Amino acid sequence: MSFPTDLPTPDLLVVCLCAQWCGTCTEYQPLFTALQSEFAGAKFVWVDVEDQSDLVDPIEVENFPTLLVAQGQSARFFGTVTPHLDTLRRLISSSASVDAAAVKDAEVQALVQRLRAG
C-alpha cells in the first residue's frame, strides 16, 4: 500500500512524546526520524516527557509512544499509537488532510502553541 507523500506540509507538526527509559520509544525513534524525509517541510519533534516536563505539563502522558499531529495552529491528532512506520505514515497523511477534525482538548491545543513558539 502506498501513501501520498506529496502533501502540502509546511505547517505540519509531528511530535512524539516519549521517555528515555521506554524501550519501545528507543526502538521507535529511528523510524520516527527516518520518516521526516517523506514529508518535506514538516517539522518533526521528539519530546522527552520527563526532561521537558515544563513544556508538556499539565498533560499527563501515560502510554508510549504518544503522538501529536498538528496542521497550522490546530492539533489534528493526539493519542497513543502502535510503534509502526506505516501507522505513523497513515496518521500523518490523514491528519494533514484539510478535512481532518481538530482535537477538542484545550490543553492539547495549548501544547501545540507552546511547541510552535519554541
N, C-alpha and C. Protein backbone atom coordinates (compact mmCIF):
# COMPACT_ATOMS: atom_id res chain seq x y z
N MET A 1 0.85 -1.16 0.00
CA MET A 1 0.00 0.00 0.00
C MET A 1 0.90 1.23 0.00
N SER A 2 0.58 2.19 -0.83
CA SER A 2 1.39 3.41 -0.85
C SER A 2 0.57 4.57 -0.31
N PHE A 3 1.26 5.56 0.19
CA PHE A 3 0.62 6.72 0.79
C PHE A 3 1.12 7.96 0.10
N PRO A 4 0.26 8.95 -0.07
CA PRO A 4 0.71 10.18 -0.72
C PRO A 4 1.68 10.92 0.19
N THR A 5 2.86 11.18 -0.32
CA THR A 5 3.83 11.93 0.47
C THR A 5 4.11 13.29 -0.15
N ASP A 6 3.29 13.67 -1.11
CA ASP A 6 3.45 14.97 -1.74
C ASP A 6 2.44 15.97 -1.19
N LEU A 7 1.99 15.72 0.01
CA LEU A 7 1.02 16.61 0.66
C LEU A 7 1.66 17.96 0.97
N PRO A 8 0.90 19.02 0.94
CA PRO A 8 1.46 20.30 1.37
C PRO A 8 1.68 20.26 2.87
N THR A 9 2.93 20.29 3.31
CA THR A 9 3.22 20.07 4.72
C THR A 9 3.98 21.18 5.42
N PRO A 10 4.10 22.39 4.88
CA PRO A 10 4.90 23.39 5.57
C PRO A 10 4.41 23.72 6.98
N ASP A 11 3.12 23.58 7.23
CA ASP A 11 2.58 23.89 8.55
C ASP A 11 2.30 22.65 9.38
N LEU A 12 2.82 21.52 8.95
CA LEU A 12 2.57 20.26 9.64
C LEU A 12 3.61 20.06 10.74
N LEU A 13 3.12 19.75 11.94
CA LEU A 13 3.96 19.48 13.10
C LEU A 13 3.66 18.06 13.57
N VAL A 14 4.71 17.25 13.69
CA VAL A 14 4.57 15.87 14.14
C VAL A 14 5.45 15.70 15.37
N VAL A 15 4.83 15.38 16.49
CA VAL A 15 5.54 15.31 17.77
C VAL A 15 5.36 13.94 18.38
N CYS A 16 6.46 13.35 18.82
CA CYS A 16 6.41 12.09 19.55
C CYS A 16 6.75 12.40 21.00
N LEU A 17 5.85 12.05 21.89
CA LEU A 17 6.03 12.25 23.33
C LEU A 17 6.42 10.90 23.93
N CYS A 18 7.64 10.82 24.44
CA CYS A 18 8.18 9.57 24.95
C CYS A 18 8.99 9.81 26.21
N ALA A 19 9.64 8.75 26.67
CA ALA A 19 10.52 8.85 27.84
C ALA A 19 11.79 8.06 27.54
N GLN A 20 12.90 8.55 28.07
CA GLN A 20 14.20 7.93 27.82
C GLN A 20 14.25 6.48 28.27
N TRP A 21 13.58 6.15 29.36
CA TRP A 21 13.62 4.82 29.92
C TRP A 21 12.76 3.81 29.14
N CYS A 22 11.94 4.30 28.22
CA CYS A 22 10.99 3.46 27.49
C CYS A 22 11.69 2.73 26.34
N GLY A 23 11.78 1.41 26.43
CA GLY A 23 12.41 0.60 25.39
C GLY A 23 11.69 0.71 24.05
N THR A 24 10.38 0.75 24.08
CA THR A 24 9.61 0.89 22.85
C THR A 24 9.95 2.20 22.16
N CYS A 25 10.08 3.27 22.94
CA CYS A 25 10.42 4.57 22.38
C CYS A 25 11.81 4.57 21.76
N THR A 26 12.75 3.91 22.43
CA THR A 26 14.11 3.83 21.91
C THR A 26 14.14 3.14 20.56
N GLU A 27 13.34 2.09 20.41
CA GLU A 27 13.25 1.38 19.13
C GLU A 27 12.51 2.20 18.09
N TYR A 28 11.57 3.01 18.50
CA TYR A 28 10.70 3.77 17.60
C TYR A 28 11.39 5.03 17.07
N GLN A 29 12.29 5.61 17.83
CA GLN A 29 12.89 6.89 17.46
C GLN A 29 13.54 6.89 16.07
N PRO A 30 14.32 5.87 15.69
CA PRO A 30 14.91 5.89 14.34
C PRO A 30 13.86 5.86 13.23
N LEU A 31 12.76 5.14 13.44
CA LEU A 31 11.68 5.11 12.45
C LEU A 31 11.03 6.49 12.32
N PHE A 32 10.77 7.10 13.46
CA PHE A 32 10.17 8.43 13.51
C PHE A 32 11.07 9.42 12.77
N THR A 33 12.35 9.38 13.04
CA THR A 33 13.32 10.27 12.41
C THR A 33 13.41 10.02 10.91
N ALA A 34 13.43 8.75 10.50
CA ALA A 34 13.55 8.40 9.08
C ALA A 34 12.37 8.89 8.26
N LEU A 35 11.21 8.96 8.85
CA LEU A 35 10.01 9.35 8.12
C LEU A 35 10.01 10.83 7.73
N GLN A 36 10.84 11.62 8.36
CA GLN A 36 10.90 13.05 8.05
C GLN A 36 11.16 13.31 6.57
N SER A 37 11.98 12.49 5.95
CA SER A 37 12.32 12.71 4.54
C SER A 37 11.13 12.52 3.62
N GLU A 38 10.11 11.80 4.06
CA GLU A 38 8.92 11.58 3.24
C GLU A 38 7.93 12.75 3.31
N PHE A 39 8.09 13.61 4.29
CA PHE A 39 7.16 14.72 4.48
C PHE A 39 7.97 16.02 4.51
N ALA A 40 8.46 16.39 3.35
CA ALA A 40 9.31 17.58 3.23
C ALA A 40 8.57 18.81 3.77
N GLY A 41 9.27 19.57 4.55
CA GLY A 41 8.69 20.79 5.10
C GLY A 41 8.00 20.60 6.43
N ALA A 42 7.65 19.37 6.77
CA ALA A 42 7.01 19.11 8.06
C ALA A 42 8.07 19.20 9.16
N LYS A 43 7.65 19.63 10.32
CA LYS A 43 8.55 19.71 11.47
C LYS A 43 8.30 18.51 12.36
N PHE A 44 9.34 17.70 12.59
CA PHE A 44 9.26 16.53 13.46
C PHE A 44 9.99 16.87 14.75
N VAL A 45 9.36 16.58 15.88
CA VAL A 45 9.94 16.92 17.19
C VAL A 45 9.81 15.70 18.11
N TRP A 46 10.90 15.36 18.76
CA TRP A 46 10.94 14.30 19.77
C TRP A 46 10.96 14.97 21.13
N VAL A 47 9.99 14.68 21.98
CA VAL A 47 9.89 15.31 23.30
C VAL A 47 9.95 14.24 24.38
N ASP A 48 10.94 14.37 25.26
CA ASP A 48 11.02 13.50 26.42
C ASP A 48 10.14 14.12 27.50
N VAL A 49 9.08 13.42 27.87
CA VAL A 49 8.09 13.99 28.78
C VAL A 49 8.63 14.24 30.18
N GLU A 50 9.74 13.61 30.54
CA GLU A 50 10.33 13.85 31.85
C GLU A 50 11.35 14.98 31.79
N ASP A 51 12.22 14.95 30.78
CA ASP A 51 13.22 16.00 30.64
C ASP A 51 12.61 17.34 30.24
N GLN A 52 11.49 17.30 29.56
CA GLN A 52 10.83 18.52 29.09
C GLN A 52 9.42 18.65 29.69
N SER A 53 9.32 18.29 30.95
CA SER A 53 8.01 18.31 31.61
C SER A 53 7.40 19.70 31.65
N ASP A 54 8.22 20.74 31.73
CA ASP A 54 7.69 22.11 31.74
C ASP A 54 6.96 22.43 30.45
N LEU A 55 7.36 21.81 29.35
CA LEU A 55 6.70 22.02 28.06
C LEU A 55 5.39 21.24 27.99
N VAL A 56 5.40 20.03 28.52
CA VAL A 56 4.26 19.12 28.39
C VAL A 56 3.17 19.37 29.43
N ASP A 57 3.56 19.74 30.65
CA ASP A 57 2.56 19.96 31.72
C ASP A 57 1.52 20.97 31.28
N PRO A 58 0.28 20.76 31.61
CA PRO A 58 -0.33 19.84 32.56
C PRO A 58 -0.80 18.52 31.94
N ILE A 59 -0.42 18.23 30.71
CA ILE A 59 -0.85 17.00 30.07
C ILE A 59 -0.12 15.81 30.69
N GLU A 60 -0.88 14.78 31.01
CA GLU A 60 -0.31 13.54 31.56
C GLU A 60 -0.17 12.54 30.43
N VAL A 61 1.05 12.16 30.12
CA VAL A 61 1.30 11.14 29.10
C VAL A 61 1.61 9.86 29.85
N GLU A 62 0.73 8.87 29.68
CA GLU A 62 0.86 7.64 30.44
C GLU A 62 1.26 6.44 29.59
N ASN A 63 1.04 6.52 28.29
CA ASN A 63 1.38 5.41 27.39
C ASN A 63 2.26 5.91 26.26
N PHE A 64 3.14 5.03 25.80
CA PHE A 64 4.11 5.42 24.77
C PHE A 64 4.06 4.48 23.58
N PRO A 65 4.35 4.99 22.40
CA PRO A 65 4.53 6.40 22.07
C PRO A 65 3.19 7.11 21.94
N THR A 66 3.15 8.34 22.42
CA THR A 66 2.00 9.21 22.24
C THR A 66 2.38 10.22 21.17
N LEU A 67 1.52 10.38 20.19
CA LEU A 67 1.80 11.28 19.08
C LEU A 67 0.84 12.45 19.07
N LEU A 68 1.38 13.57 18.64
CA LEU A 68 0.61 14.78 18.41
C LEU A 68 0.89 15.20 16.98
N VAL A 69 -0.16 15.39 16.20
CA VAL A 69 -0.01 15.89 14.84
C VAL A 69 -0.87 17.14 14.73
N ALA A 70 -0.24 18.22 14.29
CA ALA A 70 -0.95 19.50 14.16
C ALA A 70 -0.77 20.03 12.75
N GLN A 71 -1.81 20.63 12.24
CA GLN A 71 -1.75 21.34 10.96
C GLN A 71 -1.97 22.81 11.29
N GLY A 72 -0.98 23.63 10.99
CA GLY A 72 -1.06 25.03 11.39
C GLY A 72 -1.08 25.12 12.90
N GLN A 73 -2.01 25.86 13.43
CA GLN A 73 -2.12 26.04 14.88
C GLN A 73 -3.10 25.06 15.53
N SER A 74 -3.61 24.11 14.75
CA SER A 74 -4.64 23.21 15.23
C SER A 74 -4.17 21.77 15.35
N ALA A 75 -4.29 21.20 16.56
CA ALA A 75 -3.98 19.78 16.75
C ALA A 75 -5.04 18.97 16.02
N ARG A 76 -4.58 18.00 15.25
CA ARG A 76 -5.49 17.13 14.49
C ARG A 76 -5.54 15.73 15.06
N PHE A 77 -4.49 15.34 15.80
CA PHE A 77 -4.47 14.01 16.43
C PHE A 77 -3.63 14.10 17.69
N PHE A 78 -4.09 13.43 18.74
CA PHE A 78 -3.32 13.29 19.96
C PHE A 78 -3.70 11.97 20.59
N GLY A 79 -2.74 11.05 20.67
CA GLY A 79 -3.04 9.77 21.27
C GLY A 79 -1.90 8.78 21.14
N THR A 80 -2.08 7.66 21.80
CA THR A 80 -1.11 6.58 21.76
C THR A 80 -1.32 5.78 20.49
N VAL A 81 -0.23 5.37 19.86
CA VAL A 81 -0.32 4.57 18.64
C VAL A 81 0.64 3.39 18.74
N THR A 82 0.41 2.42 17.88
CA THR A 82 1.36 1.32 17.80
C THR A 82 2.64 1.83 17.14
N PRO A 83 3.78 1.38 17.58
CA PRO A 83 5.05 1.90 17.07
C PRO A 83 5.46 1.27 15.74
N HIS A 84 4.68 1.53 14.71
CA HIS A 84 4.96 1.00 13.38
C HIS A 84 5.04 2.14 12.38
N LEU A 85 5.96 2.04 11.45
CA LEU A 85 6.18 3.07 10.46
C LEU A 85 4.94 3.34 9.61
N ASP A 86 4.27 2.30 9.15
CA ASP A 86 3.08 2.50 8.32
C ASP A 86 1.95 3.18 9.09
N THR A 87 1.84 2.86 10.37
CA THR A 87 0.82 3.51 11.20
C THR A 87 1.09 5.01 11.27
N LEU A 88 2.34 5.38 11.51
CA LEU A 88 2.70 6.80 11.59
C LEU A 88 2.48 7.48 10.24
N ARG A 89 2.87 6.83 9.17
CA ARG A 89 2.71 7.39 7.83
C ARG A 89 1.23 7.67 7.54
N ARG A 90 0.37 6.70 7.82
CA ARG A 90 -1.08 6.87 7.60
C ARG A 90 -1.64 7.99 8.47
N LEU A 91 -1.20 8.02 9.71
CA LEU A 91 -1.68 9.03 10.65
C LEU A 91 -1.30 10.44 10.18
N ILE A 92 -0.08 10.60 9.74
CA ILE A 92 0.36 11.92 9.26
C ILE A 92 -0.44 12.31 8.02
N SER A 93 -0.60 11.39 7.09
CA SER A 93 -1.33 11.69 5.86
C SER A 93 -2.78 12.08 6.14
N SER A 94 -3.44 11.34 7.02
CA SER A 94 -4.84 11.65 7.30
C SER A 94 -4.98 12.93 8.12
N SER A 95 -4.04 13.19 9.02
CA SER A 95 -4.11 14.40 9.84
C SER A 95 -3.80 15.66 9.05
N ALA A 96 -3.02 15.52 7.99
CA ALA A 96 -2.66 16.67 7.15
C ALA A 96 -3.79 17.06 6.20
N SER A 97 -4.77 16.21 6.08
CA SER A 97 -5.89 16.48 5.19
C SER A 97 -6.69 17.69 5.66
N VAL A 98 -7.17 18.46 4.72
CA VAL A 98 -7.98 19.63 5.08
C VAL A 98 -9.28 19.23 5.76
N ASP A 99 -9.70 17.98 5.58
CA ASP A 99 -10.94 17.50 6.19
C ASP A 99 -10.76 16.96 7.60
N ALA A 100 -9.53 16.88 8.08
CA ALA A 100 -9.26 16.31 9.40
C ALA A 100 -9.85 17.20 10.49
N ALA A 101 -10.52 16.57 11.43
CA ALA A 101 -11.13 17.32 12.54
C ALA A 101 -10.08 17.72 13.56
N ALA A 102 -10.34 18.81 14.23
CA ALA A 102 -9.43 19.30 15.27
C ALA A 102 -9.67 18.53 16.57
N VAL A 103 -8.61 18.37 17.35
CA VAL A 103 -8.70 17.79 18.68
C VAL A 103 -9.42 18.79 19.57
N LYS A 104 -10.36 18.33 20.35
CA LYS A 104 -11.19 19.21 21.18
C LYS A 104 -10.53 19.64 22.49
N ASP A 105 -9.52 18.92 22.95
CA ASP A 105 -8.89 19.18 24.23
C ASP A 105 -8.09 20.50 24.21
N ALA A 106 -8.48 21.45 25.04
CA ALA A 106 -7.83 22.77 25.09
C ALA A 106 -6.37 22.66 25.54
N GLU A 107 -6.05 21.72 26.42
CA GLU A 107 -4.66 21.57 26.87
C GLU A 107 -3.76 21.08 25.74
N VAL A 108 -4.28 20.21 24.89
CA VAL A 108 -3.51 19.73 23.74
C VAL A 108 -3.31 20.87 22.75
N GLN A 109 -4.35 21.67 22.53
CA GLN A 109 -4.22 22.82 21.63
C GLN A 109 -3.19 23.81 22.19
N ALA A 110 -3.16 23.98 23.50
CA ALA A 110 -2.17 24.88 24.13
C ALA A 110 -0.76 24.31 23.96
N LEU A 111 -0.61 22.99 24.01
CA LEU A 111 0.70 22.36 23.79
C LEU A 111 1.20 22.67 22.38
N VAL A 112 0.31 22.64 21.40
CA VAL A 112 0.69 22.98 20.04
C VAL A 112 1.25 24.41 20.01
N GLN A 113 0.60 25.32 20.69
CA GLN A 113 1.06 26.71 20.71
C GLN A 113 2.45 26.82 21.35
N ARG A 114 2.68 26.07 22.45
CA ARG A 114 3.99 26.10 23.10
C ARG A 114 5.07 25.53 22.20
N LEU A 115 4.75 24.45 21.50
CA LEU A 115 5.71 23.84 20.59
C LEU A 115 6.01 24.74 19.41
N ARG A 116 5.00 25.42 18.90
CA ARG A 116 5.20 26.34 17.77
C ARG A 116 6.04 27.54 18.19
N ALA A 117 5.85 27.99 19.42
CA ALA A 117 6.58 29.16 19.92
C ALA A 117 8.05 28.83 20.19
N GLY A 118 8.31 27.57 20.55
CA GLY A 118 9.67 27.17 20.93
C GLY A 118 10.43 26.69 19.79
